[in-house]
Amino acid sequence: MLKFLIITIFPESLESYLASSMILRAVARNIISAQAINPRDFTDDPHRKADDKPYGGGPGMVMKALPIIRAVSALKLKKGGKRKILIMSPRGRQFTQTEAKKFAKKYDELVLIAGHYEGIDARVKKILKAEEVSVGPYTLTGGELPALIIIDAVSRHVPGVLGKVESLEEGRATSGETYTRPELITVKGKKFRVPAVLLSGHQKNIHSYRSTQS
């Protein structure tokens, strides 16, 4: 089983996605697991505060180091298991499909730290030997969406998560144009048909057509 452990101060923001579709089925079959851990549960602050003003001044707040470090330290890795710790950050290197495959094969646990506000105390990265990753050349409000993207991308490569190996679109010729029934639809008086080659049953021609469209 591959475990995903998400460190987040907004665990509720993950619930609907983790409880639906492919991820839900994989969790129910004990192929993967996904758990949110709130660093607020590991702070000494009576108000469960996990952020503070940045040293040196400036706008916004910075997530404290100790609650995050304690949250990760409380996670028990199985004997002989391999864990990777990632910090969601627009400054990080680009997460890729190649890495998604590697993570699914190499690790037993992925710890995904979701930042917020002006970021995370830089000592978290140093102490946990974590790696900053980005899911795209843009900045989001928090790290929860990037964490979900990584969970989805990696899970697809865990054996048994998808019904068929062929469901991995990147492993086959995927047409940029796909069609399903009915064969003919009419919209505002115009008729739109499925390309004849897809109805021919000639698999060599169909594959050739899809390859040109992919």
Protein backbone atom coordinates (compact mmCIF):
# COMPACT_ATOMS: atom_id res chain seq x y z
CA MET A 1 0.00 0.00 0.00
CA LEU A 2 1.23 3.47 -0.88
CA LYS A 3 0.43 6.03 1.81
CA PHE A 4 -0.17 9.71 1.14
CA LEU A 5 0.13 11.93 4.21
CA ILE A 6 -0.87 15.54 3.71
CA ILE A 7 0.23 18.15 6.25
CA THR A 8 -2.39 20.90 6.04
CA ILE A 9 -4.15 23.43 8.23
CA PHE A 10 -7.25 23.00 6.05
CA PRO A 11 -7.89 19.23 5.99
CA GLU A 12 -11.54 19.78 5.11
CA SER A 13 -10.48 21.15 1.72
CA LEU A 14 -9.25 17.69 0.71
CA GLU A 15 -12.24 15.64 1.76
CA SER A 16 -14.50 15.77 -1.30
CA TYR A 17 -11.79 14.83 -3.79
CA LEU A 18 -10.30 12.04 -1.69
CA ALA A 19 -13.79 10.61 -1.17
CA SER A 20 -14.67 10.26 -4.84
CA SER A 21 -13.91 8.40 -8.06
CA MET A 22 -10.62 6.55 -8.56
CA ILE A 23 -9.08 7.60 -5.24
CA LEU A 24 -12.06 6.42 -3.21
CA ARG A 25 -12.09 3.02 -4.91
CA ALA A 26 -8.35 2.56 -4.45
CA VAL A 27 -8.60 3.45 -0.74
CA ALA A 28 -11.53 1.08 -0.26
CA ARG A 29 -9.47 -1.74 -1.80
CA ASN A 30 -6.47 -0.92 0.42
CA ILE A 31 -4.26 -0.17 -2.55
CA ILE A 32 -3.48 3.35 -1.35
CA SER A 33 -4.35 5.43 1.69
CA ALA A 34 -4.65 9.19 2.12
CA GLN A 35 -4.61 10.96 5.47
CA ALA A 36 -4.63 14.65 6.36
CA ILE A 37 -2.63 15.74 9.41
CA ASN A 38 -3.25 19.19 10.88
CA PRO A 39 -0.12 20.90 12.28
CA ARG A 40 -2.42 22.87 14.58
CA ASP A 41 -2.65 19.67 16.62
CA PHE A 42 1.08 19.88 17.28
CA THR A 43 1.43 23.49 18.43
CA ASP A 44 1.96 24.73 21.99
CA ASP A 45 -0.25 27.74 21.35
CA PRO A 46 -3.51 27.60 23.36
CA HIS A 47 -5.36 28.95 20.32
CA ARG A 48 -3.78 26.31 18.04
CA LYS A 49 -2.02 29.01 16.05
CA ALA A 50 0.37 27.59 13.46
CA ASP A 51 1.59 30.81 11.83
CA ASP A 52 3.26 34.08 12.83
CA LYS A 53 4.66 37.34 11.42
CA PRO A 54 7.79 37.05 9.27
CA TYR A 55 11.15 38.12 10.69
CA GLY A 56 12.47 41.14 8.85
CA GLY A 57 9.00 42.54 8.32
CA GLY A 58 6.78 42.35 5.28
CA PRO A 59 3.16 41.45 4.58
CA GLY A 60 1.35 38.29 5.48
CA MET A 61 2.10 35.44 7.82
CA VAL A 62 4.52 32.51 7.74
CA MET A 63 3.70 28.96 8.83
CA LYS A 64 5.72 27.96 11.90
CA ALA A 65 8.38 25.28 11.68
CA LEU A 66 7.84 23.31 14.88
CA PRO A 67 4.18 22.28 14.39
CA ILE A 68 5.02 20.93 10.92
CA ILE A 69 8.19 19.18 12.08
CA ARG A 70 6.36 17.61 15.01
CA ALA A 71 3.51 16.47 12.76
CA VAL A 72 5.90 14.74 10.38
CA SER A 73 7.99 13.29 13.22
CA ALA A 74 4.85 11.73 14.71
CA LEU A 75 4.31 9.67 11.56
CA LYS A 76 5.56 6.13 11.98
CA LEU A 77 7.24 4.65 8.94
CA LYS A 78 7.06 0.87 8.66
CA LYS A 79 10.34 -0.98 9.11
CA GLY A 80 12.29 -0.96 5.86
CA GLY A 81 9.87 1.50 4.28
CA LYS A 82 10.89 4.37 2.05
CA ARG A 83 9.47 7.87 2.55
CA LYS A 84 9.66 11.01 0.41
CA ILE A 85 8.83 14.43 1.88
CA LEU A 86 7.69 17.15 -0.51
CA ILE A 87 6.84 20.79 0.12
CA MET A 88 4.30 22.31 -2.24
CA SER A 89 5.89 25.57 -3.43
CA PRO A 90 5.78 27.78 -6.55
CA ARG A 91 9.55 28.09 -6.14
CA GLY A 92 10.08 24.34 -6.42
CA ARG A 93 11.14 22.38 -9.44
CA GLN A 94 8.45 21.21 -11.82
CA PHE A 95 6.71 17.95 -10.90
CA THR A 96 6.58 15.67 -13.95
CA GLN A 97 4.96 12.51 -15.22
CA THR A 98 8.33 10.76 -14.99
CA GLU A 99 8.45 11.53 -11.28
CA ALA A 100 4.89 10.34 -10.79
CA LYS A 101 5.90 6.93 -12.13
CA LYS A 102 9.09 6.88 -10.05
CA PHE A 103 7.33 7.83 -6.82
CA ALA A 104 4.70 5.10 -7.31
CA LYS A 105 7.40 2.50 -7.77
CA LYS A 106 10.05 3.65 -5.30
CA TYR A 107 8.28 4.89 -2.15
CA ASP A 108 5.95 3.48 0.49
CA GLU A 109 4.96 6.90 1.82
CA LEU A 110 4.71 10.37 0.32
CA VAL A 111 4.45 13.23 2.81
CA LEU A 112 3.04 16.33 1.12
CA ILE A 113 3.38 19.58 3.07
CA ALA A 114 0.83 22.18 1.97
CA GLY A 115 1.93 25.73 2.67
CA HIS A 116 -0.24 28.84 3.02
CA TYR A 117 0.05 32.60 3.44
CA GLU A 118 3.61 33.80 2.72
CA GLY A 119 5.02 30.30 2.87
CA ILE A 120 6.66 27.95 5.36
CA ASP A 121 9.56 28.64 7.72
CA ALA A 122 12.65 27.69 5.67
CA ARG A 123 13.98 25.54 8.49
CA VAL A 124 11.31 22.92 7.75
CA LYS A 125 12.99 22.07 4.45
CA LYS A 126 16.44 21.85 6.04
CA ILE A 127 15.45 19.80 9.09
CA LEU A 128 13.18 17.34 7.28
CA LYS A 129 15.42 17.16 4.20
CA ALA A 130 12.32 17.89 2.17
CA GLU A 131 12.18 18.88 -1.49
CA GLU A 132 10.17 21.78 -2.89
CA VAL A 133 8.02 20.95 -5.93
CA SER A 134 5.68 22.96 -8.11
CA VAL A 135 2.79 21.71 -10.22
CA GLY A 136 2.97 24.62 -12.64
CA PRO A 137 4.30 28.09 -13.44
CA TYR A 138 1.75 29.93 -11.31
CA THR A 139 1.00 30.73 -7.68
CA LEU A 140 -1.98 29.32 -5.77
CA THR A 141 -3.49 30.35 -2.45
CA GLY A 142 -2.36 27.15 -0.76
CA GLY A 143 -0.69 23.80 -1.30
CA GLU A 144 -3.75 21.59 -1.02
CA LEU A 145 -4.58 21.57 -4.74
CA PRO A 146 -0.98 20.76 -5.74
CA ALA A 147 -0.97 17.95 -3.16
CA LEU A 148 -4.14 16.48 -4.69
CA ILE A 149 -2.65 16.73 -8.17
CA ILE A 150 0.39 14.76 -7.05
CA ILE A 151 -1.77 12.17 -5.30
CA ASP A 152 -3.83 11.68 -8.46
CA ALA A 153 -0.83 11.58 -10.81
CA VAL A 154 1.11 9.11 -8.65
CA SER A 155 -1.86 6.89 -7.77
CA ARG A 156 -2.54 6.15 -11.42
CA HIS A 157 0.77 4.29 -11.58
CA VAL A 158 0.15 2.11 -8.53
CA PRO A 159 -0.80 -1.38 -9.75
CA GLY A 160 -4.50 -2.06 -9.32
CA VAL A 161 -5.65 1.54 -8.98
CA LEU A 162 -6.87 1.72 -12.57
CA GLY A 163 -9.08 -1.03 -13.91
CA LYS A 164 -6.81 -1.73 -16.86
CA VAL A 165 -3.22 -0.84 -17.69
CA GLU A 166 -4.56 0.45 -21.00
CA SER A 167 -6.37 3.18 -19.05
CA LEU A 168 -3.06 5.01 -18.73
CA GLU A 169 -3.59 7.44 -21.59
CA GLU A 170 0.10 8.31 -21.77
CA GLY A 171 0.91 4.68 -22.57
CA ARG A 172 -1.08 4.58 -25.78
CA ALA A 173 -1.89 6.72 -28.76
CA THR A 174 -4.53 9.12 -27.44
CA SER A 175 -6.56 11.01 -29.99
CA GLY A 176 -7.07 14.69 -29.39
CA GLU A 177 -10.58 14.09 -30.68
CA THR A 178 -12.65 11.35 -29.07
CA TYR A 179 -16.24 10.37 -29.79
CA THR A 180 -19.05 8.26 -28.37
CA ARG A 181 -22.68 7.46 -29.21
CA PRO A 182 -24.81 8.59 -30.96
CA GLU A 183 -23.09 8.50 -34.34
CA LEU A 184 -24.92 11.62 -35.52
CA ILE A 185 -26.02 14.67 -33.56
CA THR A 186 -27.82 17.75 -34.86
CA VAL A 187 -27.32 21.15 -33.25
CA LYS A 188 -28.96 24.32 -34.58
CA GLY A 189 -29.73 22.58 -37.84
CA LYS A 190 -26.15 21.40 -38.41
CA LYS A 191 -25.21 17.74 -38.47
CA PHE A 192 -22.09 16.49 -36.74
CA ARG A 193 -20.93 12.94 -37.49
CA VAL A 194 -18.33 10.65 -36.01
CA PRO A 195 -15.39 10.22 -38.45
CA ALA A 196 -16.08 7.22 -40.68
CA VAL A 197 -12.72 5.60 -39.91
CA LEU A 198 -13.73 5.14 -36.26
CA LEU A 199 -16.81 3.23 -37.37
CA SER A 200 -14.96 1.02 -39.84
CA GLY A 201 -13.77 -1.64 -37.38
CA HIS A 202 -10.39 -1.61 -39.13
CA GLN A 203 -8.04 -1.39 -36.16
CA LYS A 204 -4.91 -0.58 -38.15
CA ASN A 205 -6.62 2.40 -39.79
CA ILE A 206 -8.17 3.49 -36.50
CA HIS A 207 -4.79 3.38 -34.76
CA SER A 208 -3.20 5.33 -37.61
CA TYR A 209 -5.94 7.96 -37.43
CA ARG A 210 -5.60 8.34 -33.67
CA SER A 211 -1.83 8.61 -33.94
CA THR A 212 -2.14 11.53 -36.36
CA GLN A 213 -4.64 13.23 -34.04
CA SER A 214 -2.74 12.70 -30.79
